Protein backbone atom coordinates (compact mmCIF):
# COMPACT_ATOMS: atom_id res chain seq x y z
CA MET A 1 -15.14 11.51 21.15
CA THR A 2 -13.59 14.94 21.22
CA ALA A 3 -12.49 17.03 18.22
CA ARG A 4 -8.84 16.67 19.29
CA ILE A 5 -8.76 13.02 18.20
CA ARG A 6 -10.54 13.41 14.98
CA PHE A 7 -7.74 14.77 12.98
CA LEU A 8 -4.49 13.45 11.79
CA ASP A 9 -3.03 11.13 14.71
CA THR A 10 0.81 12.52 14.81
CA ARG A 11 1.76 10.50 17.83
CA PRO A 12 4.18 8.41 15.84
CA LEU A 13 6.20 11.47 14.68
CA ARG A 14 6.42 12.71 18.19
CA GLY A 15 7.42 9.50 19.78
CA GLY A 16 11.15 9.15 18.57
CA HIS A 17 13.39 10.15 15.72
CA ALA A 18 13.52 6.56 14.09
CA PHE A 19 9.86 6.41 12.67
CA ARG A 20 10.07 10.34 12.14
CA ASP A 21 13.21 9.98 10.07
CA LEU A 22 11.79 7.07 8.13
CA TRP A 23 8.54 8.93 7.37
CA ILE A 24 10.44 12.09 6.11
CA GLY A 25 12.60 9.72 3.95
CA GLY A 26 9.59 7.96 2.60
CA ALA A 27 7.67 11.00 1.90
CA LEU A 28 10.63 12.45 -0.07
CA ALA A 29 11.20 9.15 -1.85
CA ALA A 30 7.34 8.94 -2.82
CA LEU A 31 7.76 12.51 -4.35
CA GLY A 32 10.96 11.57 -6.04
CA GLY A 33 9.28 8.54 -7.38
CA GLN A 34 6.72 10.55 -9.08
CA LEU A 35 9.24 13.04 -10.50
CA ALA A 36 11.00 9.91 -12.26
CA THR A 37 7.83 8.41 -13.14
CA VAL A 38 6.89 11.37 -15.28
CA ALA A 39 10.41 11.93 -16.57
CA VAL A 40 10.66 8.34 -17.81
CA LEU A 41 7.29 8.54 -19.44
CA ALA A 42 8.18 11.91 -21.22
CA GLN A 43 11.64 10.56 -22.47
CA VAL A 44 10.28 7.25 -23.73
CA TRP A 45 7.51 9.17 -25.72
CA GLU A 46 10.11 11.78 -26.93
CA LEU A 47 12.26 9.04 -28.34
CA THR A 48 9.73 6.61 -29.70
CA GLY A 49 6.38 8.52 -30.22
CA SER A 50 4.81 5.06 -29.60
CA PRO A 51 2.07 4.26 -27.14
CA ILE A 52 3.37 0.64 -27.13
CA ALA A 53 6.79 1.76 -25.87
CA THR A 54 5.22 3.79 -23.10
CA GLY A 55 2.84 0.78 -22.13
CA THR A 56 6.14 -1.31 -21.90
CA ILE A 57 7.27 0.84 -18.90
CA GLY A 58 4.36 -0.56 -16.94
CA LEU A 59 5.17 -4.00 -18.17
CA VAL A 60 8.75 -3.72 -16.98
CA THR A 61 7.88 -2.35 -13.69
CA GLY A 62 4.97 -4.66 -12.97
CA LEU A 63 7.00 -7.77 -13.74
CA ALA A 64 9.94 -6.47 -11.51
CA MET A 65 7.53 -5.75 -8.67
CA LEU A 66 5.80 -9.24 -8.79
CA LEU A 67 9.06 -11.28 -9.17
CA PHE A 68 11.50 -9.43 -6.78
CA GLY A 69 8.48 -8.69 -4.26
CA LEU A 70 8.10 -12.41 -3.62
CA LEU A 71 11.81 -13.08 -3.25
CA GLY A 72 12.02 -9.97 -0.92
CA GLY A 73 9.50 -11.59 1.36
CA THR A 74 11.81 -14.70 1.86
CA LEU A 75 14.87 -12.62 2.54
CA ALA A 76 13.08 -10.36 5.01
CA ASP A 77 12.41 -13.25 7.09
CA ALA A 78 15.88 -14.68 6.68
CA VAL A 79 18.25 -11.64 7.35
CA ASP A 80 18.34 -8.40 9.17
CA ARG A 81 15.48 -6.34 7.85
CA ARG A 82 17.40 -3.05 8.21
CA ALA A 83 20.45 -4.37 6.32
CA LEU A 84 18.22 -5.57 3.56
CA VAL A 85 16.45 -2.41 3.05
CA ARG A 86 19.63 -0.47 3.36
CA ALA A 87 21.22 -2.54 0.48
CA THR A 88 18.15 -2.31 -1.60
CA THR A 89 17.79 1.48 -1.07
CA ALA A 90 21.44 1.88 -2.10
CA GLY A 91 20.66 -0.09 -5.41
CA GLN A 92 17.87 2.25 -6.05
CA LEU A 93 20.10 5.30 -5.44
CA LEU A 94 22.78 3.82 -8.00
CA ALA A 95 19.73 3.33 -10.48
CA ALA A 96 18.47 6.84 -9.87
CA LEU A 97 22.07 8.23 -10.57
CA GLY A 98 22.19 6.04 -13.66
CA LEU A 99 18.91 7.55 -14.75
CA PHE A 100 20.30 10.97 -14.18
CA GLY A 101 23.68 10.28 -16.03
CA GLN A 102 21.87 8.95 -19.03
CA ALA A 103 19.48 11.91 -19.31
CA LEU A 104 22.44 14.26 -18.89
CA ALA A 105 24.22 12.45 -21.80
CA GLU A 106 21.14 12.59 -23.91
CA ASN A 107 20.93 8.83 -24.18
CA ARG A 108 18.50 7.69 -26.95
CA ASN A 109 18.65 4.12 -26.11
CA VAL A 110 15.29 2.98 -24.79
CA PRO A 111 16.29 -0.40 -23.78
CA LEU A 112 18.98 1.02 -21.61
CA LEU A 113 16.50 3.32 -20.06
CA LEU A 114 13.96 0.56 -19.41
CA ALA A 115 16.78 -1.46 -17.86
CA LEU A 116 17.71 1.27 -15.36
CA VAL A 117 13.92 1.43 -14.50
CA ALA A 118 13.82 -2.38 -13.95
CA VAL A 119 16.79 -2.31 -11.73
CA GLY A 120 15.26 0.62 -9.59
CA THR A 121 11.94 -1.15 -9.35
CA GLY A 122 13.44 -4.42 -8.56
CA CYS A 123 15.60 -3.21 -5.92
CA GLY A 124 12.47 -1.34 -4.33
CA ALA A 125 10.49 -4.49 -4.55
CA LEU A 126 13.17 -6.58 -3.01
CA GLY A 127 13.12 -4.31 -0.06
CA ALA A 128 9.49 -3.62 0.17
CA PRO A 129 8.36 -6.73 2.40
CA ALA A 130 11.08 -5.82 4.99
CA ARG A 131 10.24 -2.08 4.71
CA ARG A 132 6.64 -2.73 5.53
CA THR A 133 7.52 -4.30 9.02
CA PHE A 134 9.10 -1.45 10.14
CA PRO A 135 6.15 0.47 11.70
CA VAL A 136 5.02 -2.58 13.77
CA ARG A 137 8.80 -2.79 15.21
CA LEU A 138 9.15 0.78 15.87
CA LEU A 139 5.73 1.90 17.14
CA PRO A 140 3.65 0.75 19.97
CA ALA A 141 0.74 -1.44 18.81
CA ASP A 142 -1.96 1.28 19.34
CA GLN A 143 -0.16 3.67 17.10
CA VAL A 144 0.73 1.29 14.02
CA ALA A 145 -2.63 2.17 12.25
CA ALA A 146 -1.64 6.00 12.89
CA GLY A 147 1.82 5.45 11.61
CA LEU A 148 0.32 3.79 8.32
CA ALA A 149 -2.11 6.77 7.95
CA LEU A 150 0.70 9.27 7.97
CA ASN A 151 2.56 7.18 5.30
CA ASN A 152 -0.58 7.00 3.14
CA LEU A 153 -1.23 10.74 3.49
CA ALA A 154 2.36 11.34 2.42
CA PHE A 155 1.97 9.08 -0.53
CA GLN A 156 -1.40 10.70 -1.62
CA VAL A 157 0.21 14.19 -1.44
CA ALA A 158 2.99 13.01 -3.63
CA MET A 159 0.55 11.59 -6.09
CA LEU A 160 -1.32 14.97 -6.31
CA ALA A 161 1.57 17.19 -6.31
CA GLY A 162 4.37 15.11 -7.85
CA PRO A 163 3.34 14.83 -11.39
CA ALA A 164 2.42 18.84 -11.53
CA LEU A 165 5.93 19.45 -9.95
CA ALA A 166 7.68 17.12 -12.49
CA GLY A 167 5.97 18.80 -15.31
CA VAL A 168 7.17 22.28 -14.03
CA ILE A 169 10.78 20.89 -13.38
CA ILE A 170 11.00 19.26 -16.93
CA ALA A 171 9.54 22.42 -18.83
CA GLY A 172 11.98 24.59 -17.02
CA ARG A 173 15.11 22.49 -16.22
CA GLY A 174 14.84 19.58 -18.50
CA LEU A 175 14.77 15.70 -17.68
CA PRO A 176 18.27 15.65 -15.89
CA ALA A 177 16.89 18.04 -13.33
CA ALA A 178 13.81 15.81 -12.64
CA PHE A 179 16.21 12.56 -12.31
CA ALA A 180 18.24 14.58 -10.11
CA GLY A 181 15.58 15.35 -7.79
CA GLN A 182 14.65 11.65 -7.52
CA ALA A 183 18.37 10.76 -6.65
CA VAL A 184 18.29 13.45 -3.96
CA ALA A 185 15.36 12.14 -2.44
CA VAL A 186 16.40 8.56 -2.54
CA ALA A 187 19.65 9.58 -0.75
CA VAL A 188 17.64 11.07 2.08
CA ALA A 189 15.67 7.91 2.38
CA LEU A 190 18.82 5.71 2.59
CA LEU A 191 20.08 8.05 5.37
CA ALA A 192 17.03 7.46 7.38
CA VAL A 193 17.28 3.80 6.98
CA VAL A 194 21.07 3.80 8.07
CA ARG A 195 19.96 5.46 11.33
CA LEU A 196 17.58 2.56 12.24
CA PRO A 197 18.39 0.05 14.94
CA ALA A 198 19.12 -3.41 13.65
CA MET A 199 15.89 -5.19 12.94
CA PRO A 200 16.56 -9.22 12.81
CA PRO A 201 13.51 -11.10 12.16
CA GLY A 202 11.96 -12.35 15.53
CA GLY A 203 10.82 -15.78 16.48
CA ALA A 204 13.23 -17.83 14.41
CA GLU A 205 13.52 -20.60 16.88
CA ARG A 206 11.13 -22.62 19.28
CA PRO A 207 11.92 -22.61 23.07
CA GLY A 208 14.95 -25.02 23.50
CA GLY A 209 16.61 -23.95 20.30
CA ARG A 210 14.86 -26.16 17.84
CA ARG A 211 14.25 -24.55 14.37
CA ARG A 212 10.74 -24.27 13.41
CA PRO A 213 9.74 -25.58 9.97
CA GLU A 214 9.59 -23.07 7.20
CA ARG A 215 6.17 -22.04 5.92
CA GLY A 216 5.41 -19.85 3.08
CA GLY A 217 3.49 -16.58 3.29
CA TRP A 218 0.55 -18.01 1.46
CA ARG A 219 0.20 -20.77 3.95
CA VAL A 220 0.45 -18.40 7.01
CA VAL A 221 -2.26 -16.24 5.35
CA LEU A 222 -4.63 -19.24 4.68
CA ARG A 223 -4.38 -20.54 8.17
CA ARG A 224 -5.46 -17.42 9.74
CA PRO A 225 -8.91 -16.15 9.29
CA THR A 226 -8.10 -12.65 10.01
CA LEU A 227 -5.40 -12.42 7.34
CA TRP A 228 -7.18 -14.04 4.54
CA GLY A 229 -10.34 -12.23 5.57
CA SER A 230 -8.54 -8.82 5.13
CA MET A 231 -6.87 -9.75 1.90
CA ALA A 232 -9.92 -11.29 0.40
CA THR A 233 -11.79 -8.09 1.39
CA ASP A 234 -9.17 -6.06 -0.57
CA LEU A 235 -9.26 -8.36 -3.60
CA SER A 236 -13.00 -8.19 -3.61
CA ALA A 237 -12.84 -4.37 -3.79
CA THR A 238 -10.16 -4.07 -6.40
CA VAL A 239 -10.84 -7.08 -8.74
CA LEU A 240 -14.56 -6.40 -8.87
CA ALA A 241 -14.79 -2.57 -8.74
CA MET A 242 -11.44 -0.94 -9.88
CA PRO A 243 -12.69 2.04 -12.08
CA ILE A 244 -9.64 3.69 -13.62
CA ALA A 245 -9.79 1.94 -17.07
CA LEU A 246 -13.32 3.25 -17.30
CA PHE A 247 -12.50 6.89 -16.76
CA PRO A 248 -11.75 7.72 -20.45
CA LEU A 249 -15.04 5.99 -21.56
CA VAL A 250 -17.24 7.60 -18.95
CA ASN A 251 -15.66 10.99 -19.84
CA GLU A 252 -16.36 10.49 -23.59
CA VAL A 253 -20.07 9.40 -23.19
CA ARG A 254 -21.01 11.74 -20.34
CA PHE A 255 -18.73 14.62 -20.69
CA ASP A 256 -17.81 15.01 -24.23
CA GLY A 257 -14.29 13.93 -23.93
CA ASP A 258 -13.09 16.95 -22.19
CA PRO A 259 -9.58 16.23 -20.89
CA ARG A 260 -9.86 18.63 -17.89
CA THR A 261 -12.80 16.40 -16.79
CA LEU A 262 -10.73 13.38 -17.11
CA GLY A 263 -8.02 14.80 -14.90
CA LEU A 264 -10.75 15.95 -12.38
CA PHE A 265 -11.73 12.17 -12.03
CA LEU A 266 -8.25 11.25 -10.63
CA SER A 267 -7.93 14.50 -8.64
CA ALA A 268 -11.45 13.88 -7.04
CA VAL A 269 -10.20 10.45 -5.78
CA ALA A 270 -6.90 12.12 -4.44
CA VAL A 271 -8.76 14.74 -2.56
CA GLY A 272 -10.98 12.09 -1.01
CA GLY A 273 -7.88 10.13 0.08
CA ILE A 274 -6.05 13.12 1.29
CA THR A 275 -9.23 14.47 3.36
CA ALA A 276 -9.62 11.03 4.95
CA GLY A 277 -5.95 10.96 5.86
CA LEU A 278 -6.12 14.39 7.32
CA PHE A 279 -9.11 12.98 9.62
CA SER A 280 -7.57 9.66 9.93
CA GLY A 281 -6.91 10.18 13.81
CA THR A 282 -10.77 9.15 14.47
CA VAL A 283 -10.26 5.83 12.56
CA THR A 284 -6.66 4.83 13.70
CA ARG A 285 -7.76 5.09 17.34
CA TRP A 286 -10.68 2.71 16.93
CA ARG A 287 -9.67 -0.70 18.09
CA ARG A 288 -12.19 -2.47 15.91
CA GLY A 289 -10.11 -2.79 12.77
CA GLY A 290 -11.55 -5.71 10.89
CA LEU A 291 -15.12 -4.13 10.98
CA VAL A 292 -13.54 -0.79 9.84
CA GLN A 293 -11.88 -2.32 6.67
CA LEU A 294 -15.02 -4.32 5.90
CA THR A 295 -17.21 -1.12 6.02
CA ALA A 296 -14.77 1.13 4.22
CA ALA A 297 -14.46 -1.57 1.39
CA GLY A 298 -18.33 -1.77 1.06
CA VAL A 299 -18.64 1.97 1.08
CA TRP A 300 -15.82 1.86 -1.92
CA GLY A 301 -18.06 -0.48 -3.83
CA LEU A 302 -21.29 1.49 -3.40
CA ALA A 303 -19.78 4.83 -4.04
CA LEU A 304 -18.30 3.45 -7.40
CA ALA A 305 -21.82 2.10 -8.27
CA GLY A 306 -22.93 5.73 -7.63
CA PHE A 307 -20.32 6.99 -9.93
CA GLY A 308 -21.68 4.61 -12.71
CA LEU A 309 -25.38 6.21 -12.34
CA ALA A 310 -24.31 9.86 -11.66
CA GLY A 311 -25.38 12.13 -14.24
CA PRO A 312 -24.19 15.76 -13.16
CA LEU A 313 -20.45 16.21 -12.98
CA TRP A 314 -20.63 17.54 -9.38
CA LEU A 315 -22.29 14.17 -8.29
CA ALA A 316 -19.88 11.98 -10.09
CA LEU A 317 -16.93 13.79 -8.44
CA ALA A 318 -18.58 13.50 -5.01
CA CYS A 319 -18.85 9.85 -5.63
CA LEU A 320 -15.21 9.44 -6.60
CA ALA A 321 -14.26 11.65 -3.41
CA VAL A 322 -16.04 9.15 -1.19
CA ALA A 323 -14.53 6.17 -3.03
CA GLY A 324 -11.04 7.76 -2.42
CA ALA A 325 -11.75 8.39 1.17
CA ALA A 326 -12.96 4.90 1.76
CA ASP A 327 -9.99 3.34 -0.22
CA THR A 328 -7.62 5.22 2.34
CA VAL A 329 -9.50 3.88 5.35
CA SER A 330 -9.44 0.31 3.98
CA VAL A 331 -5.91 0.39 3.05
CA VAL A 332 -4.59 1.93 6.40
CA THR A 333 -6.76 -0.63 8.42
CA ARG A 334 -5.62 -3.46 6.38
CA GLY A 335 -1.98 -2.56 6.57
CA ALA A 336 -2.17 -2.41 10.46
CA LEU A 337 -4.11 -5.50 10.86
CA VAL A 338 -1.97 -7.60 8.63
CA GLN A 339 1.38 -6.37 10.60
CA LEU A 340 0.00 -6.89 14.11
CA GLU A 341 -1.67 -10.32 13.30
CA THR A 342 1.37 -11.90 11.58
CA PRO A 343 4.05 -13.40 13.74
CA ASP A 344 7.48 -11.65 13.28
CA ALA A 345 9.08 -14.63 11.89
CA PHE A 346 6.79 -14.52 9.00
CA ARG A 347 6.12 -10.84 8.40
CA GLY A 348 8.35 -10.61 5.48
CA ARG A 349 6.75 -13.41 3.53
CA VAL A 350 3.22 -12.24 4.57
CA SER A 351 4.12 -8.65 3.39
CA SER A 352 5.20 -10.07 0.11
CA VAL A 353 1.81 -11.72 -0.31
CA GLU A 354 0.19 -8.28 0.56
CA HIS A 355 2.61 -6.88 -1.99
CA VAL A 356 1.51 -9.18 -4.60
CA ILE A 357 -2.31 -8.64 -3.91
CA GLY A 358 -1.80 -4.87 -3.98
CA VAL A 359 -0.21 -4.88 -7.40
CA ALA A 360 -2.29 -7.63 -9.14
CA GLY A 361 -5.67 -6.81 -7.78
CA PRO A 362 -6.04 -3.38 -9.29
CA GLU A 363 -4.53 -4.57 -12.72
CA LEU A 364 -7.07 -7.52 -12.69
CA GLY A 365 -9.70 -5.05 -11.91
CA ASN A 366 -9.04 -2.69 -14.53
CA PHE A 367 -8.94 -5.44 -17.10
CA ARG A 368 -12.29 -6.79 -15.84
CA GLY A 369 -13.98 -3.22 -16.11
CA GLY A 370 -12.58 -2.75 -19.61
CA LEU A 371 -13.65 -6.11 -20.84
CA LEU A 372 -17.08 -5.88 -19.41
CA ALA A 373 -17.69 -2.30 -20.81
CA SER A 374 -16.54 -3.47 -24.21
CA VAL A 375 -19.59 -5.86 -24.46
CA THR A 376 -22.04 -3.61 -22.31
CA SER A 377 -21.15 -0.04 -21.37
CA ALA A 378 -18.99 1.88 -18.95
CA PRO A 379 -21.93 2.65 -16.49
CA VAL A 380 -23.09 -1.03 -16.65
CA ALA A 381 -19.69 -2.20 -15.84
CA LEU A 382 -19.25 0.39 -12.95
CA VAL A 383 -22.64 -0.32 -11.30
CA THR A 384 -22.52 -4.19 -11.50
CA GLY A 385 -18.71 -3.98 -10.51
CA GLY A 386 -19.45 -1.83 -7.41
CA LEU A 387 -22.59 -3.69 -6.30
CA SER A 388 -20.76 -6.92 -6.85
CA ALA A 389 -17.76 -5.58 -4.64
CA ALA A 390 -20.25 -4.57 -1.86
CA LEU A 391 -21.96 -7.98 -1.98
CA ALA A 392 -18.62 -9.96 -2.00
CA VAL A 393 -17.50 -7.89 1.00
CA ALA A 394 -20.53 -8.58 2.72
CA ALA A 395 -20.03 -12.30 2.22
CA VAL A 396 -16.62 -11.95 3.83
CA ALA A 397 -18.05 -10.36 6.63
CA ALA A 398 -20.71 -12.92 7.06
CA THR A 399 -18.43 -15.97 6.96
CA ASN A 400 -15.29 -14.62 8.89
CA GLY A 401 -16.19 -14.03 12.56
CA PRO A 402 -12.56 -13.56 13.55
CA LEU A 403 -12.15 -10.70 11.31
CA ARG A 404 -15.30 -8.95 12.44
CA ALA A 405 -14.11 -9.64 16.09
CA TYR A 406 -10.55 -8.52 15.70
CA ARG A 407 -9.48 -5.69 18.05
CA THR A 408 -6.30 -3.86 17.96
CA PRO A 409 -4.17 -4.77 21.18
CA GLU A 410 -3.47 -2.10 23.73
CA PRO A 411 0.43 -1.43 24.19
CA ALA A 412 0.44 -3.29 27.30
CA GLU A 413 -1.02 -6.46 25.77
CA ALA A 414 1.12 -6.13 22.75
CA ALA A 415 4.20 -5.94 24.83
CA ALA A 416 3.21 -8.78 27.20
CA SER A 417 2.69 -11.13 24.26
CA ALA A 418 5.65 -10.24 21.97
CA PRO A 419 8.80 -10.91 23.87
CA GLY A 420 11.36 -9.69 21.52
CA GLY A 421 9.60 -10.36 18.43
CA GLY A 422 7.97 -7.00 17.74
CA THR A 423 5.10 -5.02 19.09
CA GLY A 424 2.34 -7.15 17.41
CA PRO A 425 0.35 -9.73 19.28
CA ALA A 426 0.82 -12.32 16.76
CA ALA A 427 4.52 -12.68 17.62
CA ALA A 428 3.51 -14.73 20.48
CA GLU A 429 1.77 -17.13 18.13
CA ALA A 430 4.76 -17.81 15.97
CA ASP A 431 4.96 -21.39 17.49
CA GLU A 432 3.51 -24.26 15.50
CA SER A 433 1.16 -25.25 18.36
CA VAL A 434 -1.09 -22.31 17.66
CA PRO A 435 -4.33 -23.43 15.93
CA ALA A 436 -5.18 -22.36 12.45
CA GLY A 437 -7.74 -19.80 13.64
CA GLY A 438 -4.91 -17.90 15.03
CA GLY A 439 -5.18 -14.16 15.60
CA ALA A 440 -8.00 -12.65 17.76
CA ALA A 441 -10.09 -15.76 17.85
CA ALA A 442 -7.25 -17.84 19.36
CA ARG A 443 -6.48 -15.09 21.99
CA ALA A 444 -10.24 -14.71 22.83
CA LYS A 445 -10.26 -18.43 23.94
CA SER A 446 -7.33 -18.40 25.97
CA PRO A 447 -7.33 -18.01 29.62
CA ALA A 448 -5.54 -14.91 29.87
CA GLY A 449 -8.19 -13.43 27.75
CA THR A 450 -6.05 -10.59 26.29
CA VAL A 451 -8.61 -9.69 23.63
CA PRO A 452 -12.49 -9.97 23.99
CA SER A 453 -14.05 -12.62 21.82
CA ALA A 454 -16.75 -10.26 20.51
CA GLY A 455 -16.67 -6.79 19.23
CA ALA A 456 -15.14 -5.95 15.95
CA ALA A 457 -11.93 -4.96 14.39
CA VAL A 458 -9.52 -2.18 13.38
CA PRO A 459 -6.84 -1.25 10.93
CA PRO A 460 -1.94 -0.06 2.63
CA MET A 461 -1.00 1.27 4.26
CA PRO A 462 0.01 -0.48 1.51
CA GLU A 463 -0.09 1.81 -1.54
CA PRO A 464 -3.43 3.41 -2.37
CA HIS A 465 -5.37 1.61 -5.21
CA VAL A 466 -6.70 4.28 -7.29
CA GLY A 467 -4.57 6.68 -9.31
CA ALA A 468 -1.34 5.16 -7.96
CA ALA A 469 0.95 4.95 -10.76
CA GLU A 470 3.98 2.94 -9.51
CA PRO A 471 6.64 5.30 -8.74
CA VAL A 472 10.19 4.74 -10.26
CA GLY A 473 11.87 4.84 -6.89
CA PRO A 474 11.68 3.40 -3.46
CA ASP A 475 8.45 1.90 -2.31
CA PRO A 476 7.35 4.20 0.50
CA GLY A 477 5.14 1.29 1.45
CA ASN A 478 4.61 1.19 5.28
CA ALA A 479 7.87 2.94 6.15
């Protein structure tokens, strides 16, 4: 393997304007979302001085994402996805302009502020499942993981730079300037969506014109070992080992509660994620996506167990950087695998399932960690959680052969198996006659033999798990 392919794979940006425009719009939207997140937090604190009120922001955004994310999955499989994302992004732009207007008018009504946040977040969640399907429709199959890696890198950079930029803007120009920055970013994202080609969901009918019976996203996931295995791997990693809630306690016990150290914890995770993104060309060109995700998720758990045992600050930060890098690799590979293995007619609903898991898993994991630490200690919660996550991932690997054997298809294979339904191989499997195994296992048994039956597997981005405060703006998702 040459050094040339070890760095960030930028082929998706060079291949055409559609994905490139979408990536630029998504990157700006992620940055604008961080500006708005900090601005909303600052305004609510300024108006109330109450931690309960600031905590309510998370409750409002979390409920909006869960409720509208599920509905968005159904809509994404029923209407043109570009039209859906265009409409929801326009709704987010209106919400962003509302936030700018209320800040300019020096609004002191917290419920109004939270209502605007809920509208913007709800619109983003409604369009998120459709937006997640864009890379697999715009890129060749062997570039989908690279496209997700580019999205993930943009999001990581926004997470690292956005809050600091927001602080500078608010300190120098005030809250209206921060909200104005978000509105401009959303407008650019909307222009990128408008320029996309139409994207109706594929595979809506059987040959002969008969409509296929509807199936929910959860049923599709549970019937395909590659899908449920990939999502079970993600849940094992987040529910059992999510460390964020334990950072303040670890900082208090080991580093005298220095706030600078607490900030370094999150920065170390982000640095690890960005580093992995910059060198993601190595991973995204590997075809063995399932095995890559399983390995990365296992490394995540072991790194966090190491963080729980680490004494010196440098060792603790190194463990967190490794965890951040592993999280990025796992998220990118999972995102590509899910999109490529899902029939296009169901991508919206399956994306909504992935969205719910991505939102709920880290929150449950933080709750688990805090609860266990309250009856034991932060190091015990971290070590047992990290080791439990690694063991759970190993159990998934041992029991899910199709996930281990999954290979990302070559462009020619994907094109041959997906006539009109997208680039992914699973588009050809949308017919009800496909056995429950689906995915790579089903193709390995076919006479055509488009994918070998042995080997291993490849491919977020959904959003990164660690340190990812949900932005009040367009979900950059996989677009």
